[in-house]
């Protein structure tokens, strides 16, 4: 689980502008030397921000043990939601591991995970594209009641699972309770 969290945070740091955590410091007309400078600036800001942040990700002891990692994309979606103020849609479930490049890696237990989501009233499920072949293991009567989405990259998960607009009330509540980890965003 620790490796999934570390990979998730590394990917978020490397893609902060792309996913809306930092305002994009690059202008459309920058030259190569300015582009490199902007990328270095962004990396420095993210490194300093995360270095000062005390981020604790907790999984309850009652969590079901699994054969291997499968929560990397879910952790990434949850953290991006926290940092951007875009809520995760409540009618989506997801599974998949994440690579440092943000690729959605295949996982096991697809049938069981889809059955558990259905039991809990969730009909929209995002799975890694490489698990498409495993969807045939889901009983047909159950599969016909589900909307299965297949994703190659964590960006696809973000587009599917996060609300489009920022929830200001959610951001203010998080800032009041935890402090704003990205106050630097407004200063850029």
N, C-alpha and C. Protein backbone atom coordinates (compact mmCIF):
# COMPACT_ATOMS: atom_id res chain seq x y z
N UNK A 1 0.83 -1.18 0.00
CA UNK A 1 0.00 0.00 0.00
C UNK A 1 0.88 1.25 0.00
N UNK A 2 1.97 1.19 0.76
CA UNK A 2 2.88 2.34 0.82
C UNK A 2 3.43 2.69 -0.56
N UNK A 3 3.76 1.65 -1.35
CA UNK A 3 4.29 1.91 -2.68
C UNK A 3 3.24 2.59 -3.57
N UNK A 4 1.98 2.18 -3.43
CA UNK A 4 0.90 2.81 -4.21
C UNK A 4 0.78 4.29 -3.86
N UNK A 5 0.87 4.60 -2.57
CA UNK A 5 0.76 5.99 -2.13
C UNK A 5 1.94 6.81 -2.64
N UNK A 6 3.15 6.26 -2.50
CA UNK A 6 4.34 6.98 -2.97
C UNK A 6 4.30 7.21 -4.48
N UNK A 7 3.88 6.20 -5.23
CA UNK A 7 3.77 6.35 -6.68
C UNK A 7 2.72 7.39 -7.03
N UNK A 8 1.61 7.37 -6.33
CA UNK A 8 0.55 8.34 -6.56
C UNK A 8 1.04 9.77 -6.32
N UNK A 9 1.69 9.98 -5.20
CA UNK A 9 2.19 11.32 -4.87
C UNK A 9 3.24 11.78 -5.88
N UNK A 10 4.11 10.88 -6.29
CA UNK A 10 5.13 11.23 -7.30
C UNK A 10 4.47 11.65 -8.60
N UNK A 11 3.44 10.90 -9.03
CA UNK A 11 2.76 11.24 -10.27
C UNK A 11 2.05 12.58 -10.14
N UNK A 12 1.40 12.83 -9.01
CA UNK A 12 0.70 14.10 -8.79
C UNK A 12 1.69 15.26 -8.83
N UNK A 13 2.82 15.11 -8.17
CA UNK A 13 3.83 16.17 -8.18
C UNK A 13 4.31 16.47 -9.59
N UNK A 14 4.53 15.44 -10.37
CA UNK A 14 5.06 15.62 -11.73
C UNK A 14 4.01 16.20 -12.69
N UNK A 15 2.75 16.12 -12.34
CA UNK A 15 1.67 16.55 -13.24
C UNK A 15 0.77 17.61 -12.62
N UNK A 16 1.30 18.38 -11.68
CA UNK A 16 0.51 19.34 -10.92
C UNK A 16 -0.23 20.35 -11.80
N UNK A 17 0.42 20.90 -12.78
CA UNK A 17 -0.24 21.88 -13.66
C UNK A 17 -1.26 21.20 -14.55
N UNK A 18 -0.90 20.07 -15.08
CA UNK A 18 -1.76 19.34 -16.01
C UNK A 18 -3.10 18.95 -15.38
N UNK A 19 -3.10 18.66 -14.08
CA UNK A 19 -4.32 18.19 -13.42
C UNK A 19 -5.01 19.28 -12.60
N UNK A 20 -4.49 20.50 -12.66
CA UNK A 20 -5.18 21.62 -12.05
C UNK A 20 -4.82 21.93 -10.61
N UNK A 21 -3.73 21.36 -10.11
CA UNK A 21 -3.33 21.67 -8.73
C UNK A 21 -2.62 23.01 -8.68
N UNK A 22 -1.72 23.23 -9.62
CA UNK A 22 -1.04 24.53 -9.73
C UNK A 22 -1.54 25.24 -10.97
N UNK A 23 -1.61 26.55 -10.90
CA UNK A 23 -1.88 27.30 -12.11
C UNK A 23 -0.73 27.04 -13.06
N UNK A 24 -1.01 26.85 -14.31
CA UNK A 24 0.05 26.54 -15.27
C UNK A 24 0.96 27.75 -15.44
N UNK A 25 2.23 27.63 -15.01
CA UNK A 25 3.13 28.77 -15.10
C UNK A 25 3.62 29.05 -16.52
N UNK A 26 3.31 28.15 -17.46
CA UNK A 26 3.83 28.32 -18.82
C UNK A 26 2.83 29.07 -19.70
N UNK A 27 3.32 29.97 -20.47
CA UNK A 27 2.50 30.72 -21.42
C UNK A 27 2.62 30.06 -22.80
N UNK A 28 1.66 30.31 -23.65
CA UNK A 28 1.65 29.69 -24.98
C UNK A 28 2.85 30.11 -25.82
N UNK A 29 3.42 31.27 -25.55
CA UNK A 29 4.48 31.77 -26.41
C UNK A 29 5.88 31.66 -25.78
N UNK A 30 6.05 30.79 -24.79
CA UNK A 30 7.37 30.70 -24.18
C UNK A 30 8.36 30.01 -25.11
N UNK A 31 9.61 30.39 -24.97
CA UNK A 31 10.66 29.76 -25.75
C UNK A 31 11.21 28.59 -24.94
N UNK A 32 12.06 27.76 -25.58
CA UNK A 32 12.57 26.56 -24.93
C UNK A 32 13.25 26.84 -23.61
N UNK A 33 14.08 27.86 -23.55
CA UNK A 33 14.79 28.16 -22.30
C UNK A 33 13.82 28.61 -21.22
N UNK A 34 12.79 29.36 -21.61
CA UNK A 34 11.78 29.78 -20.65
C UNK A 34 10.92 28.59 -20.22
N UNK A 35 10.65 27.68 -21.15
CA UNK A 35 9.87 26.49 -20.84
C UNK A 35 10.58 25.65 -19.79
N UNK A 36 11.88 25.43 -20.00
CA UNK A 36 12.65 24.66 -19.04
C UNK A 36 12.65 25.35 -17.68
N UNK A 37 12.80 26.64 -17.69
CA UNK A 37 12.78 27.40 -16.44
C UNK A 37 11.43 27.26 -15.74
N UNK A 38 10.34 27.31 -16.51
CA UNK A 38 9.00 27.17 -15.93
C UNK A 38 8.79 25.78 -15.35
N UNK A 39 9.25 24.76 -16.07
CA UNK A 39 9.13 23.39 -15.56
C UNK A 39 9.94 23.21 -14.28
N UNK A 40 11.14 23.77 -14.26
CA UNK A 40 11.96 23.69 -13.05
C UNK A 40 11.28 24.42 -11.89
N UNK A 41 10.69 25.55 -12.18
CA UNK A 41 9.99 26.32 -11.15
C UNK A 41 8.82 25.51 -10.59
N UNK A 42 8.06 24.90 -11.49
CA UNK A 42 6.92 24.08 -11.05
C UNK A 42 7.38 22.92 -10.18
N UNK A 43 8.43 22.22 -10.61
CA UNK A 43 8.94 21.09 -9.83
C UNK A 43 9.42 21.55 -8.45
N UNK A 44 10.08 22.69 -8.42
CA UNK A 44 10.56 23.22 -7.14
C UNK A 44 9.39 23.56 -6.22
N UNK A 45 8.36 24.21 -6.77
CA UNK A 45 7.19 24.57 -5.97
C UNK A 45 6.53 23.31 -5.41
N UNK A 46 6.33 22.31 -6.26
CA UNK A 46 5.69 21.08 -5.79
C UNK A 46 6.56 20.37 -4.75
N UNK A 47 7.86 20.31 -4.98
CA UNK A 47 8.75 19.67 -4.01
C UNK A 47 8.67 20.38 -2.67
N UNK A 48 8.75 21.70 -2.67
CA UNK A 48 8.70 22.48 -1.43
C UNK A 48 7.34 22.34 -0.75
N UNK A 49 6.28 22.34 -1.54
CA UNK A 49 4.93 22.22 -0.98
C UNK A 49 4.75 20.87 -0.30
N UNK A 50 5.12 19.80 -0.99
CA UNK A 50 4.94 18.47 -0.41
C UNK A 50 5.92 18.23 0.74
N UNK A 51 7.09 18.85 0.69
CA UNK A 51 8.06 18.69 1.78
C UNK A 51 7.51 19.29 3.07
N UNK A 52 6.75 20.37 2.96
CA UNK A 52 6.19 21.04 4.13
C UNK A 52 4.88 20.41 4.59
N UNK A 53 4.30 19.57 3.79
CA UNK A 53 3.00 19.00 4.07
C UNK A 53 3.14 17.71 4.88
N UNK A 54 2.29 17.58 5.88
CA UNK A 54 2.23 16.34 6.64
C UNK A 54 1.00 15.58 6.15
N UNK A 55 1.21 14.74 5.17
CA UNK A 55 0.11 14.00 4.54
C UNK A 55 0.06 12.61 5.14
N UNK A 56 -1.06 12.29 5.75
CA UNK A 56 -1.25 10.96 6.35
C UNK A 56 -2.40 10.28 5.65
N UNK A 57 -2.14 9.15 5.02
CA UNK A 57 -3.18 8.37 4.35
C UNK A 57 -3.42 7.14 5.21
N UNK A 58 -4.65 6.99 5.69
CA UNK A 58 -4.98 5.91 6.61
C UNK A 58 -5.96 4.94 5.99
N UNK A 59 -5.68 3.66 6.14
CA UNK A 59 -6.60 2.61 5.73
C UNK A 59 -6.98 1.83 6.98
N UNK A 60 -8.26 1.75 7.27
CA UNK A 60 -8.70 1.10 8.51
C UNK A 60 -8.22 -0.35 8.61
N UNK A 61 -8.02 -0.80 9.83
CA UNK A 61 -7.57 -2.17 10.06
C UNK A 61 -8.59 -3.18 9.54
N UNK A 62 -9.84 -2.77 9.41
CA UNK A 62 -10.89 -3.67 8.94
C UNK A 62 -10.88 -3.86 7.43
N UNK A 63 -9.97 -3.19 6.74
CA UNK A 63 -9.91 -3.33 5.29
C UNK A 63 -9.64 -4.78 4.92
N UNK A 64 -10.19 -5.21 3.79
CA UNK A 64 -10.02 -6.59 3.35
C UNK A 64 -8.63 -6.79 2.77
N UNK A 65 -7.87 -7.76 3.30
CA UNK A 65 -6.54 -8.00 2.73
C UNK A 65 -6.67 -8.57 1.32
N UNK A 66 -5.73 -8.22 0.46
CA UNK A 66 -5.76 -8.65 -0.93
C UNK A 66 -4.43 -9.33 -1.28
N UNK A 67 -4.44 -9.97 -2.45
CA UNK A 67 -3.24 -10.66 -2.90
C UNK A 67 -2.16 -9.71 -3.37
N UNK A 68 -2.54 -8.53 -3.80
CA UNK A 68 -1.55 -7.59 -4.32
C UNK A 68 -2.12 -6.19 -4.36
N UNK A 69 -1.31 -5.24 -4.83
CA UNK A 69 -1.77 -3.84 -4.88
C UNK A 69 -2.88 -3.65 -5.91
N UNK A 70 -3.84 -2.80 -5.58
CA UNK A 70 -4.91 -2.53 -6.55
C UNK A 70 -5.58 -1.19 -6.30
N UNK A 71 -5.02 -0.37 -5.43
CA UNK A 71 -5.70 0.88 -5.08
C UNK A 71 -4.97 2.13 -5.57
N UNK A 72 -3.92 2.00 -6.35
CA UNK A 72 -3.12 3.15 -6.75
C UNK A 72 -3.91 4.24 -7.47
N UNK A 73 -4.75 3.85 -8.44
CA UNK A 73 -5.52 4.87 -9.15
C UNK A 73 -6.58 5.49 -8.24
N UNK A 74 -7.15 4.69 -7.35
CA UNK A 74 -8.16 5.20 -6.43
C UNK A 74 -7.55 6.19 -5.46
N UNK A 75 -6.36 5.89 -4.97
CA UNK A 75 -5.64 6.81 -4.08
C UNK A 75 -5.34 8.10 -4.83
N UNK A 76 -4.89 7.99 -6.07
CA UNK A 76 -4.58 9.17 -6.87
C UNK A 76 -5.81 10.03 -7.09
N UNK A 77 -6.93 9.42 -7.44
CA UNK A 77 -8.17 10.17 -7.65
C UNK A 77 -8.58 10.87 -6.35
N UNK A 78 -8.48 10.18 -5.22
CA UNK A 78 -8.85 10.78 -3.93
C UNK A 78 -7.96 11.97 -3.60
N UNK A 79 -6.65 11.84 -3.81
CA UNK A 79 -5.73 12.95 -3.50
C UNK A 79 -5.92 14.13 -4.45
N UNK A 80 -6.12 13.87 -5.73
CA UNK A 80 -6.37 14.95 -6.68
C UNK A 80 -7.67 15.66 -6.31
N UNK A 81 -8.67 14.91 -5.88
CA UNK A 81 -9.92 15.52 -5.41
C UNK A 81 -9.66 16.45 -4.24
N UNK A 82 -8.88 15.98 -3.28
CA UNK A 82 -8.55 16.80 -2.11
C UNK A 82 -7.82 18.07 -2.50
N UNK A 83 -6.82 17.95 -3.38
CA UNK A 83 -5.98 19.08 -3.73
C UNK A 83 -6.64 20.08 -4.68
N UNK A 84 -7.62 19.61 -5.46
CA UNK A 84 -8.25 20.50 -6.45
C UNK A 84 -9.64 20.98 -6.04
N UNK A 85 -10.24 20.34 -5.06
CA UNK A 85 -11.60 20.72 -4.65
C UNK A 85 -12.67 20.18 -5.57
N UNK A 86 -12.33 19.24 -6.41
CA UNK A 86 -13.32 18.59 -7.28
C UNK A 86 -13.72 17.27 -6.63
N UNK A 87 -14.98 17.17 -6.27
CA UNK A 87 -15.47 15.97 -5.59
C UNK A 87 -15.46 14.74 -6.51
N UNK A 88 -15.30 13.58 -5.89
CA UNK A 88 -15.43 12.31 -6.61
C UNK A 88 -16.92 12.01 -6.72
N UNK A 89 -17.36 11.63 -7.90
CA UNK A 89 -18.77 11.27 -8.11
C UNK A 89 -19.11 10.07 -7.23
N UNK A 90 -20.22 10.15 -6.53
CA UNK A 90 -20.57 9.11 -5.55
C UNK A 90 -21.09 7.82 -6.18
N UNK A 91 -21.36 7.84 -7.47
CA UNK A 91 -21.89 6.64 -8.11
C UNK A 91 -20.83 5.89 -8.93
N UNK A 92 -19.56 6.10 -8.59
CA UNK A 92 -18.46 5.43 -9.28
C UNK A 92 -17.62 4.61 -8.31
N UNK A 93 -17.20 3.45 -8.77
CA UNK A 93 -16.21 2.63 -8.07
C UNK A 93 -15.06 2.45 -9.06
N UNK A 94 -13.88 2.16 -8.55
CA UNK A 94 -12.73 2.00 -9.44
C UNK A 94 -11.68 1.12 -8.80
N UNK A 95 -10.86 0.55 -9.63
CA UNK A 95 -9.72 -0.22 -9.16
C UNK A 95 -8.64 -0.14 -10.23
N UNK A 96 -7.43 -0.42 -9.84
CA UNK A 96 -6.29 -0.38 -10.76
C UNK A 96 -5.07 0.15 -10.03
N UNK A 97 -3.94 -0.27 -10.48
CA UNK A 97 -2.69 0.23 -9.91
C UNK A 97 -2.14 1.28 -10.85
N UNK A 98 -1.25 2.13 -10.35
CA UNK A 98 -0.70 3.23 -11.13
C UNK A 98 0.81 3.06 -11.29
N UNK A 99 1.30 3.39 -12.49
CA UNK A 99 2.75 3.42 -12.71
C UNK A 99 3.24 4.85 -12.53
N UNK A 100 4.55 5.04 -12.50
CA UNK A 100 5.10 6.40 -12.38
C UNK A 100 4.73 7.28 -13.57
N UNK A 101 4.42 6.66 -14.70
CA UNK A 101 3.99 7.41 -15.88
C UNK A 101 2.49 7.66 -15.88
N UNK A 102 1.77 7.16 -14.87
CA UNK A 102 0.34 7.35 -14.78
C UNK A 102 -0.48 6.30 -15.51
N UNK A 103 0.18 5.24 -15.96
CA UNK A 103 -0.55 4.17 -16.65
C UNK A 103 -1.40 3.40 -15.65
N UNK A 104 -2.59 2.99 -16.07
CA UNK A 104 -3.46 2.15 -15.25
C UNK A 104 -3.05 0.70 -15.46
N UNK A 105 -2.53 0.08 -14.43
CA UNK A 105 -2.02 -1.28 -14.53
C UNK A 105 -3.10 -2.28 -14.10
N UNK A 106 -3.13 -3.46 -14.71
CA UNK A 106 -4.16 -4.44 -14.40
C UNK A 106 -4.03 -4.99 -12.97
N UNK A 107 -5.17 -5.44 -12.45
CA UNK A 107 -5.24 -5.99 -11.09
C UNK A 107 -6.07 -7.27 -11.12
N UNK A 108 -6.08 -7.98 -10.02
CA UNK A 108 -6.87 -9.21 -9.91
C UNK A 108 -8.20 -8.94 -9.23
N UNK A 109 -9.02 -9.98 -9.18
CA UNK A 109 -10.28 -9.94 -8.46
C UNK A 109 -11.36 -9.06 -9.08
N UNK A 110 -11.36 -8.91 -10.39
CA UNK A 110 -12.31 -8.02 -11.06
C UNK A 110 -13.75 -8.47 -10.81
N UNK A 111 -14.02 -9.74 -10.94
CA UNK A 111 -15.39 -10.25 -10.73
C UNK A 111 -15.87 -9.90 -9.32
N UNK A 112 -15.05 -10.19 -8.33
CA UNK A 112 -15.43 -9.95 -6.93
C UNK A 112 -15.61 -8.46 -6.63
N UNK A 113 -14.74 -7.63 -7.21
CA UNK A 113 -14.84 -6.19 -6.99
C UNK A 113 -16.10 -5.62 -7.63
N UNK A 114 -16.44 -6.09 -8.81
CA UNK A 114 -17.66 -5.62 -9.48
C UNK A 114 -18.90 -6.09 -8.73
N UNK A 115 -18.87 -7.31 -8.22
CA UNK A 115 -20.00 -7.81 -7.44
C UNK A 115 -20.17 -7.01 -6.16
N UNK A 116 -19.07 -6.66 -5.50
CA UNK A 116 -19.14 -5.85 -4.28
C UNK A 116 -19.68 -4.46 -4.56
N UNK A 117 -19.25 -3.85 -5.66
CA UNK A 117 -19.76 -2.53 -6.03
C UNK A 117 -21.26 -2.60 -6.28
N UNK A 118 -21.70 -3.61 -7.02
CA UNK A 118 -23.13 -3.79 -7.31
C UNK A 118 -23.92 -3.98 -6.02
N UNK A 119 -23.41 -4.80 -5.10
CA UNK A 119 -24.08 -5.02 -3.81
C UNK A 119 -24.27 -3.72 -3.05
N UNK A 120 -23.37 -2.78 -3.25
CA UNK A 120 -23.44 -1.48 -2.57
C UNK A 120 -24.14 -0.41 -3.40
N UNK A 121 -24.81 -0.82 -4.47
CA UNK A 121 -25.62 0.10 -5.25
C UNK A 121 -24.85 0.94 -6.25
N UNK A 122 -23.60 0.59 -6.52
CA UNK A 122 -22.80 1.34 -7.48
C UNK A 122 -22.83 0.63 -8.83
N UNK A 123 -23.20 1.38 -9.85
CA UNK A 123 -23.37 0.80 -11.19
C UNK A 123 -22.26 1.19 -12.16
N UNK A 124 -21.52 2.27 -11.87
CA UNK A 124 -20.44 2.74 -12.75
C UNK A 124 -19.10 2.31 -12.18
N UNK A 125 -18.36 1.55 -12.96
CA UNK A 125 -17.09 1.00 -12.47
C UNK A 125 -16.00 1.27 -13.50
N UNK A 126 -14.89 1.82 -13.03
CA UNK A 126 -13.74 2.09 -13.91
C UNK A 126 -12.69 1.02 -13.64
N UNK A 127 -12.26 0.38 -14.72
CA UNK A 127 -11.26 -0.69 -14.64
C UNK A 127 -10.11 -0.39 -15.60
N UNK A 128 -8.92 -0.92 -15.32
CA UNK A 128 -7.84 -0.78 -16.30
C UNK A 128 -8.20 -1.47 -17.61
N UNK A 129 -7.83 -0.88 -18.71
CA UNK A 129 -8.12 -1.48 -20.03
C UNK A 129 -7.58 -2.89 -20.14
N UNK A 130 -6.45 -3.14 -19.52
CA UNK A 130 -5.85 -4.48 -19.61
C UNK A 130 -6.64 -5.53 -18.83
N UNK A 131 -7.67 -5.10 -18.08
CA UNK A 131 -8.55 -6.04 -17.39
C UNK A 131 -9.84 -6.29 -18.17
N UNK A 132 -9.93 -5.79 -19.38
CA UNK A 132 -11.16 -5.95 -20.19
C UNK A 132 -11.50 -7.43 -20.35
N UNK A 133 -10.50 -8.24 -20.55
CA UNK A 133 -10.72 -9.67 -20.74
C UNK A 133 -11.34 -10.31 -19.49
N UNK A 134 -11.08 -9.75 -18.32
CA UNK A 134 -11.60 -10.30 -17.06
C UNK A 134 -13.08 -9.97 -16.86
N UNK A 135 -13.60 -9.01 -17.61
CA UNK A 135 -15.01 -8.65 -17.46
C UNK A 135 -15.94 -9.78 -17.90
N UNK A 136 -15.43 -10.69 -18.71
CA UNK A 136 -16.25 -11.83 -19.14
C UNK A 136 -16.54 -12.78 -17.98
N UNK A 137 -15.76 -12.69 -16.89
CA UNK A 137 -15.98 -13.53 -15.72
C UNK A 137 -17.15 -13.05 -14.86
N UNK A 138 -17.60 -11.82 -15.10
CA UNK A 138 -18.73 -11.26 -14.34
C UNK A 138 -20.00 -11.90 -14.91
N UNK A 139 -20.85 -12.46 -14.05
CA UNK A 139 -22.09 -13.08 -14.56
C UNK A 139 -22.86 -12.10 -15.44
N UNK A 140 -23.42 -12.61 -16.54
CA UNK A 140 -24.10 -11.77 -17.54
C UNK A 140 -25.23 -10.95 -16.94
N UNK A 141 -26.02 -11.55 -16.03
CA UNK A 141 -27.14 -10.80 -15.44
C UNK A 141 -26.64 -9.61 -14.63
N UNK A 142 -25.50 -9.76 -14.01
CA UNK A 142 -24.90 -8.65 -13.25
C UNK A 142 -24.24 -7.65 -14.20
N UNK A 143 -23.50 -8.16 -15.18
CA UNK A 143 -22.79 -7.29 -16.13
C UNK A 143 -23.76 -6.38 -16.88
N UNK A 144 -24.95 -6.87 -17.17
CA UNK A 144 -25.94 -6.06 -17.90
C UNK A 144 -26.46 -4.89 -17.05
N UNK A 145 -26.26 -4.96 -15.74
CA UNK A 145 -26.71 -3.88 -14.85
C UNK A 145 -25.60 -2.88 -14.53
N UNK A 146 -24.41 -3.14 -15.03
CA UNK A 146 -23.25 -2.28 -14.74
C UNK A 146 -22.83 -1.48 -15.97
N UNK A 147 -22.27 -0.31 -15.72
CA UNK A 147 -21.62 0.48 -16.77
C UNK A 147 -20.12 0.35 -16.52
N UNK A 148 -19.46 -0.46 -17.32
CA UNK A 148 -18.03 -0.65 -17.16
C UNK A 148 -17.29 0.31 -18.08
N UNK A 149 -16.36 1.05 -17.50
CA UNK A 149 -15.50 1.96 -18.25
C UNK A 149 -14.08 1.41 -18.15
N UNK A 150 -13.37 1.42 -19.26
CA UNK A 150 -12.00 0.92 -19.27
C UNK A 150 -11.04 2.07 -19.56
N UNK A 151 -9.99 2.17 -18.76
CA UNK A 151 -9.07 3.31 -18.85
C UNK A 151 -7.64 2.83 -18.99
N UNK A 152 -6.88 3.56 -19.80
CA UNK A 152 -5.46 3.27 -19.98
C UNK A 152 -4.57 4.07 -19.04
N UNK A 153 -5.06 5.23 -18.61
CA UNK A 153 -4.23 6.19 -17.88
C UNK A 153 -5.03 6.79 -16.73
N UNK A 154 -4.33 7.19 -15.69
CA UNK A 154 -5.01 7.79 -14.53
C UNK A 154 -5.78 9.06 -14.92
N UNK A 155 -5.32 9.76 -15.95
CA UNK A 155 -6.05 10.94 -16.45
C UNK A 155 -7.47 10.54 -16.86
N UNK A 156 -7.62 9.36 -17.47
CA UNK A 156 -8.95 8.87 -17.85
C UNK A 156 -9.83 8.67 -16.61
N UNK A 157 -9.24 8.15 -15.55
CA UNK A 157 -9.97 7.97 -14.29
C UNK A 157 -10.42 9.33 -13.75
N UNK A 158 -9.53 10.31 -13.80
CA UNK A 158 -9.87 11.65 -13.30
C UNK A 158 -11.02 12.25 -14.08
N UNK A 159 -10.99 12.11 -15.41
CA UNK A 159 -12.06 12.66 -16.25
C UNK A 159 -13.40 11.99 -15.95
N UNK A 160 -13.38 10.70 -15.72
CA UNK A 160 -14.61 9.97 -15.46
C UNK A 160 -15.13 10.17 -14.03
N UNK A 161 -14.24 10.15 -13.06
CA UNK A 161 -14.67 10.06 -11.65
C UNK A 161 -14.83 11.40 -10.94
N UNK A 162 -14.18 12.45 -11.40
CA UNK A 162 -14.26 13.73 -10.69
C UNK A 162 -15.34 14.63 -11.30
N UNK A 163 -16.01 15.36 -10.42
CA UNK A 163 -16.96 16.38 -10.88
C UNK A 163 -16.18 17.41 -11.70
N UNK A 164 -16.84 18.05 -12.64
CA UNK A 164 -16.18 19.03 -13.50
C UNK A 164 -15.80 20.31 -12.78
N UNK A 165 -16.68 20.76 -11.89
CA UNK A 165 -16.41 22.06 -11.27
C UNK A 165 -15.87 21.91 -9.85
N UNK A 166 -15.13 22.93 -9.45
CA UNK A 166 -14.56 22.98 -8.12
C UNK A 166 -15.66 23.31 -7.12
N UNK A 167 -15.68 22.60 -6.02
CA UNK A 167 -16.65 22.84 -4.96
C UNK A 167 -15.98 23.73 -3.91
N UNK A 168 -16.27 25.02 -3.98
CA UNK A 168 -15.62 26.01 -3.09
C UNK A 168 -15.90 25.71 -1.62
N UNK A 169 -17.10 25.27 -1.31
CA UNK A 169 -17.45 24.95 0.08
C UNK A 169 -16.57 23.80 0.60
N UNK A 170 -16.35 22.80 -0.24
CA UNK A 170 -15.48 21.66 0.08
C UNK A 170 -14.05 22.14 0.33
N UNK A 171 -13.57 23.04 -0.54
CA UNK A 171 -12.21 23.59 -0.38
C UNK A 171 -12.09 24.38 0.92
N UNK A 172 -13.09 25.22 1.21
CA UNK A 172 -13.05 26.03 2.43
C UNK A 172 -13.10 25.15 3.66
N UNK A 173 -13.91 24.10 3.64
CA UNK A 173 -14.00 23.19 4.77
C UNK A 173 -12.66 22.49 4.99
N UNK A 174 -12.04 22.03 3.92
CA UNK A 174 -10.72 21.39 4.04
C UNK A 174 -9.69 22.37 4.57
N UNK A 175 -9.71 23.60 4.09
CA UNK A 175 -8.75 24.61 4.54
C UNK A 175 -8.96 24.92 6.02
N UNK A 176 -10.21 24.98 6.46
CA UNK A 176 -10.49 25.24 7.88
C UNK A 176 -10.02 24.09 8.76
N UNK A 177 -10.30 22.88 8.32
CA UNK A 177 -9.97 21.70 9.13
C UNK A 177 -8.50 21.31 9.06
N UNK A 178 -7.88 21.46 7.91
CA UNK A 178 -6.53 20.93 7.72
C UNK A 178 -5.51 21.97 7.30
N UNK A 179 -5.93 23.18 7.03
CA UNK A 179 -5.03 24.16 6.44
C UNK A 179 -4.93 23.88 4.96
N UNK A 180 -4.62 24.87 4.19
CA UNK A 180 -4.55 24.69 2.75
C UNK A 180 -3.14 24.32 2.35
N UNK A 181 -2.93 23.09 1.85
CA UNK A 181 -1.57 22.69 1.45
C UNK A 181 -1.08 23.43 0.22
N UNK A 182 -1.98 24.07 -0.52
CA UNK A 182 -1.58 24.74 -1.75
C UNK A 182 -1.89 26.21 -1.72
N UNK A 183 -1.63 26.85 -0.59
CA UNK A 183 -1.80 28.31 -0.50
C UNK A 183 -0.89 28.99 -1.51
N UNK A 184 0.19 28.35 -1.86
CA UNK A 184 1.14 28.91 -2.82
C UNK A 184 0.47 29.10 -4.19
N UNK A 185 -0.57 28.33 -4.48
CA UNK A 185 -1.27 28.43 -5.77
C UNK A 185 -1.75 29.86 -6.01
N UNK A 186 -2.28 30.47 -4.99
CA UNK A 186 -2.82 31.82 -5.14
C UNK A 186 -1.71 32.86 -5.28
N UNK A 187 -0.50 32.54 -4.84
CA UNK A 187 0.60 33.51 -4.86
C UNK A 187 1.35 33.50 -6.18
N UNK A 188 1.09 32.54 -7.03
CA UNK A 188 1.84 32.43 -8.30
C UNK A 188 1.45 33.49 -9.28
